[in-house]
Amino acid sequence: MNDRYERFNLVDDSFTLEMKDLKTNITTKLIVSKLDKNKNPLYRLNMNKNTSKNIVIYQKVNAATFYFLLNWISLHLND
């Protein structure tokens, strides 16, 4: 039995990688974006949730890094 699930989402100028530990019910989410944290609705949405069971990591990157990471992750998640 798998004890976790992983999910990848792409939304406008941001993408998220999410992993949830099914035993502890703790969700870790990495948000990578070209936008500042305070201007990103995806970040605000995730911070409004119950933070006792959620870990949110936010990283702002430039456009070149954003598309490099997006392509790399897309290739490796398809395996």
N, C-alpha and C. Protein backbone atom coordinates (compact mmCIF):
# COMPACT_ATOMS: atom_id res chain seq x y z
N MET A 1 0.83 -1.18 0.00
CA MET A 1 0.00 0.00 0.00
C MET A 1 0.87 1.25 0.00
N ASN A 2 0.50 2.22 -0.80
CA ASN A 2 1.24 3.47 -0.88
C ASN A 2 0.80 4.39 0.25
N ASP A 3 1.77 4.93 0.98
CA ASP A 3 1.48 5.77 2.14
C ASP A 3 1.41 7.26 1.82
N ARG A 4 1.49 7.62 0.54
CA ARG A 4 1.44 9.03 0.18
C ARG A 4 0.92 9.18 -1.24
N TYR A 5 0.47 10.38 -1.55
CA TYR A 5 0.14 10.68 -2.94
C TYR A 5 0.81 11.99 -3.33
N GLU A 6 1.06 12.13 -4.62
CA GLU A 6 1.71 13.32 -5.15
C GLU A 6 0.85 13.90 -6.26
N ARG A 7 0.89 15.24 -6.37
CA ARG A 7 0.10 15.90 -7.40
C ARG A 7 0.87 17.10 -7.93
N PHE A 8 0.71 17.37 -9.21
CA PHE A 8 1.33 18.50 -9.87
C PHE A 8 0.23 19.33 -10.51
N ASN A 9 0.26 20.65 -10.29
CA ASN A 9 -0.72 21.55 -10.88
C ASN A 9 -0.02 22.75 -11.49
N LEU A 10 -0.50 23.20 -12.63
CA LEU A 10 0.01 24.39 -13.28
C LEU A 10 -1.11 25.41 -13.35
N VAL A 11 -0.87 26.61 -12.79
CA VAL A 11 -1.87 27.67 -12.78
C VAL A 11 -1.18 28.98 -13.18
N ASP A 12 -1.49 29.48 -14.37
CA ASP A 12 -0.95 30.75 -14.87
C ASP A 12 0.58 30.82 -14.72
N ASP A 13 1.07 31.70 -13.86
CA ASP A 13 2.50 31.90 -13.69
C ASP A 13 3.07 31.14 -12.50
N SER A 14 2.39 30.08 -12.09
CA SER A 14 2.82 29.30 -10.93
C SER A 14 2.56 27.83 -11.17
N PHE A 15 3.34 26.99 -10.49
CA PHE A 15 2.99 25.58 -10.44
C PHE A 15 3.22 25.07 -9.03
N THR A 16 2.53 24.01 -8.70
CA THR A 16 2.65 23.44 -7.36
C THR A 16 2.98 21.96 -7.46
N LEU A 17 3.79 21.52 -6.54
CA LEU A 17 4.03 20.11 -6.30
C LEU A 17 3.50 19.83 -4.91
N GLU A 18 2.63 18.86 -4.81
CA GLU A 18 1.99 18.59 -3.52
C GLU A 18 2.19 17.12 -3.17
N MET A 19 2.55 16.86 -1.93
CA MET A 19 2.69 15.50 -1.44
C MET A 19 1.95 15.40 -0.11
N LYS A 20 1.17 14.36 0.03
CA LYS A 20 0.42 14.16 1.27
C LYS A 20 0.79 12.81 1.87
N ASP A 21 1.16 12.84 3.13
CA ASP A 21 1.43 11.62 3.87
C ASP A 21 0.09 11.11 4.41
N LEU A 22 -0.34 9.96 3.95
CA LEU A 22 -1.65 9.45 4.32
C LEU A 22 -1.72 8.95 5.76
N LYS A 23 -0.59 8.60 6.34
CA LYS A 23 -0.59 8.16 7.74
C LYS A 23 -0.80 9.33 8.70
N THR A 24 -0.10 10.43 8.44
CA THR A 24 -0.17 11.57 9.34
C THR A 24 -1.15 12.64 8.87
N ASN A 25 -1.58 12.53 7.63
CA ASN A 25 -2.50 13.49 7.01
C ASN A 25 -1.89 14.89 6.88
N ILE A 26 -0.56 14.94 6.78
CA ILE A 26 0.14 16.21 6.61
C ILE A 26 0.45 16.41 5.13
N THR A 27 0.13 17.60 4.64
CA THR A 27 0.36 17.95 3.24
C THR A 27 1.50 18.93 3.14
N THR A 28 2.46 18.64 2.25
CA THR A 28 3.56 19.55 1.95
C THR A 28 3.36 20.04 0.52
N LYS A 29 3.38 21.34 0.35
CA LYS A 29 3.15 21.92 -0.98
C LYS A 29 4.27 22.89 -1.30
N LEU A 30 4.89 22.70 -2.47
CA LEU A 30 5.89 23.61 -2.98
C LEU A 30 5.24 24.43 -4.08
N ILE A 31 5.26 25.75 -3.93
CA ILE A 31 4.72 26.66 -4.95
C ILE A 31 5.90 27.38 -5.57
N VAL A 32 6.05 27.22 -6.89
CA VAL A 32 7.09 27.91 -7.65
C VAL A 32 6.39 28.90 -8.57
N SER A 33 6.83 30.15 -8.52
CA SER A 33 6.10 31.18 -9.24
C SER A 33 7.03 32.26 -9.77
N LYS A 34 6.55 32.94 -10.82
CA LYS A 34 7.24 34.13 -11.33
C LYS A 34 6.73 35.38 -10.61
N LEU A 35 5.71 35.25 -9.79
CA LEU A 35 5.10 36.39 -9.09
C LEU A 35 5.62 36.50 -7.67
N ASP A 36 5.57 37.71 -7.12
CA ASP A 36 5.86 37.89 -5.71
C ASP A 36 4.80 37.18 -4.88
N LYS A 37 5.20 36.75 -3.70
CA LYS A 37 4.29 36.00 -2.83
C LYS A 37 3.02 36.78 -2.51
N ASN A 38 3.15 38.06 -2.22
CA ASN A 38 1.98 38.84 -1.81
C ASN A 38 1.05 39.16 -2.99
N LYS A 39 1.50 38.96 -4.22
CA LYS A 39 0.65 39.20 -5.40
C LYS A 39 0.07 37.91 -5.97
N ASN A 40 0.38 36.79 -5.36
CA ASN A 40 -0.02 35.50 -5.90
C ASN A 40 -1.27 34.97 -5.20
N PRO A 41 -2.39 34.86 -5.94
CA PRO A 41 -3.62 34.36 -5.31
C PRO A 41 -3.52 32.90 -4.89
N LEU A 42 -2.70 32.12 -5.57
CA LEU A 42 -2.52 30.71 -5.20
C LEU A 42 -1.89 30.59 -3.81
N TYR A 43 -0.92 31.45 -3.52
CA TYR A 43 -0.28 31.44 -2.21
C TYR A 43 -1.28 31.85 -1.12
N ARG A 44 -2.02 32.93 -1.37
CA ARG A 44 -3.01 33.39 -0.38
C ARG A 44 -4.07 32.32 -0.13
N LEU A 45 -4.50 31.64 -1.17
CA LEU A 45 -5.50 30.57 -1.02
C LEU A 45 -4.97 29.46 -0.12
N ASN A 46 -3.73 29.06 -0.32
CA ASN A 46 -3.15 27.98 0.47
C ASN A 46 -2.85 28.39 1.90
N MET A 47 -2.55 29.65 2.12
CA MET A 47 -2.27 30.10 3.48
C MET A 47 -3.55 30.30 4.29
N ASN A 48 -4.69 30.38 3.64
CA ASN A 48 -5.96 30.52 4.35
C ASN A 48 -6.48 29.18 4.87
N LYS A 49 -5.88 28.09 4.43
CA LYS A 49 -6.30 26.77 4.89
C LYS A 49 -5.73 26.50 6.28
N ASN A 50 -6.19 25.44 6.90
CA ASN A 50 -5.70 25.03 8.21
C ASN A 50 -4.20 24.71 8.12
N THR A 51 -3.37 25.55 8.71
CA THR A 51 -1.93 25.37 8.56
C THR A 51 -1.33 24.34 9.51
N SER A 52 -2.09 23.82 10.44
CA SER A 52 -1.53 22.82 11.35
C SER A 52 -1.24 21.50 10.64
N LYS A 53 -1.91 21.25 9.53
CA LYS A 53 -1.68 20.02 8.76
C LYS A 53 -1.10 20.30 7.38
N ASN A 54 -0.71 21.56 7.13
CA ASN A 54 -0.17 21.93 5.82
C ASN A 54 1.15 22.66 5.98
N ILE A 55 2.10 22.29 5.13
CA ILE A 55 3.38 22.98 5.04
C ILE A 55 3.43 23.58 3.65
N VAL A 56 3.56 24.90 3.56
CA VAL A 56 3.61 25.58 2.26
C VAL A 56 4.97 26.24 2.12
N ILE A 57 5.67 25.89 1.04
CA ILE A 57 6.96 26.48 0.72
C ILE A 57 6.79 27.26 -0.57
N TYR A 58 7.19 28.52 -0.55
CA TYR A 58 7.01 29.39 -1.71
C TYR A 58 8.37 29.81 -2.23
N GLN A 59 8.56 29.70 -3.56
CA GLN A 59 9.82 30.13 -4.16
C GLN A 59 9.53 30.97 -5.40
N LYS A 60 10.00 32.20 -5.39
CA LYS A 60 9.88 33.06 -6.56
C LYS A 60 11.12 32.84 -7.43
N VAL A 61 10.90 32.67 -8.75
CA VAL A 61 12.01 32.45 -9.69
C VAL A 61 11.81 33.34 -10.91
N ASN A 62 12.88 33.51 -11.69
CA ASN A 62 12.74 34.26 -12.93
C ASN A 62 12.12 33.37 -14.00
N ALA A 63 11.77 33.95 -15.14
CA ALA A 63 11.05 33.22 -16.19
C ALA A 63 11.85 32.03 -16.72
N ALA A 64 13.15 32.21 -16.93
CA ALA A 64 13.97 31.12 -17.46
C ALA A 64 13.99 29.93 -16.51
N THR A 65 14.17 30.19 -15.23
CA THR A 65 14.18 29.11 -14.24
C THR A 65 12.81 28.46 -14.14
N PHE A 66 11.76 29.26 -14.19
CA PHE A 66 10.40 28.73 -14.12
C PHE A 66 10.16 27.71 -15.23
N TYR A 67 10.46 28.08 -16.47
CA TYR A 67 10.20 27.17 -17.59
C TYR A 67 11.15 25.97 -17.59
N PHE A 68 12.38 26.15 -17.13
CA PHE A 68 13.29 25.01 -17.00
C PHE A 68 12.74 23.99 -16.02
N LEU A 69 12.34 24.46 -14.84
CA LEU A 69 11.78 23.56 -13.82
C LEU A 69 10.48 22.92 -14.29
N LEU A 70 9.63 23.70 -14.93
CA LEU A 70 8.37 23.18 -15.43
C LEU A 70 8.60 22.05 -16.43
N ASN A 71 9.50 22.25 -17.37
CA ASN A 71 9.80 21.20 -18.35
C ASN A 71 10.44 19.99 -17.71
N TRP A 72 11.37 20.19 -16.79
CA TRP A 72 12.05 19.08 -16.14
C TRP A 72 11.06 18.24 -15.33
N ILE A 73 10.22 18.89 -14.56
CA ILE A 73 9.24 18.17 -13.74
C ILE A 73 8.23 17.45 -14.61
N SER A 74 7.77 18.10 -15.67
CA SER A 74 6.80 17.46 -16.57
C SER A 74 7.38 16.19 -17.19
N LEU A 75 8.64 16.22 -17.57
CA LEU A 75 9.28 15.04 -18.15
C LEU A 75 9.42 13.92 -17.13
N HIS A 76 9.79 14.25 -15.92
CA HIS A 76 10.06 13.22 -14.91
C HIS A 76 8.80 12.69 -14.23
N LEU A 77 7.75 13.46 -14.18
CA LEU A 77 6.51 12.94 -13.59
C LEU A 77 5.77 11.99 -14.52
N ASN A 78 6.07 12.05 -15.81
CA ASN A 78 5.42 11.15 -16.76
C ASN A 78 5.99 9.75 -16.73
N ASP A 79 7.16 9.55 -16.10
CA ASP A 79 7.79 8.22 -16.03
C ASP A 79 7.05 7.28 -15.13
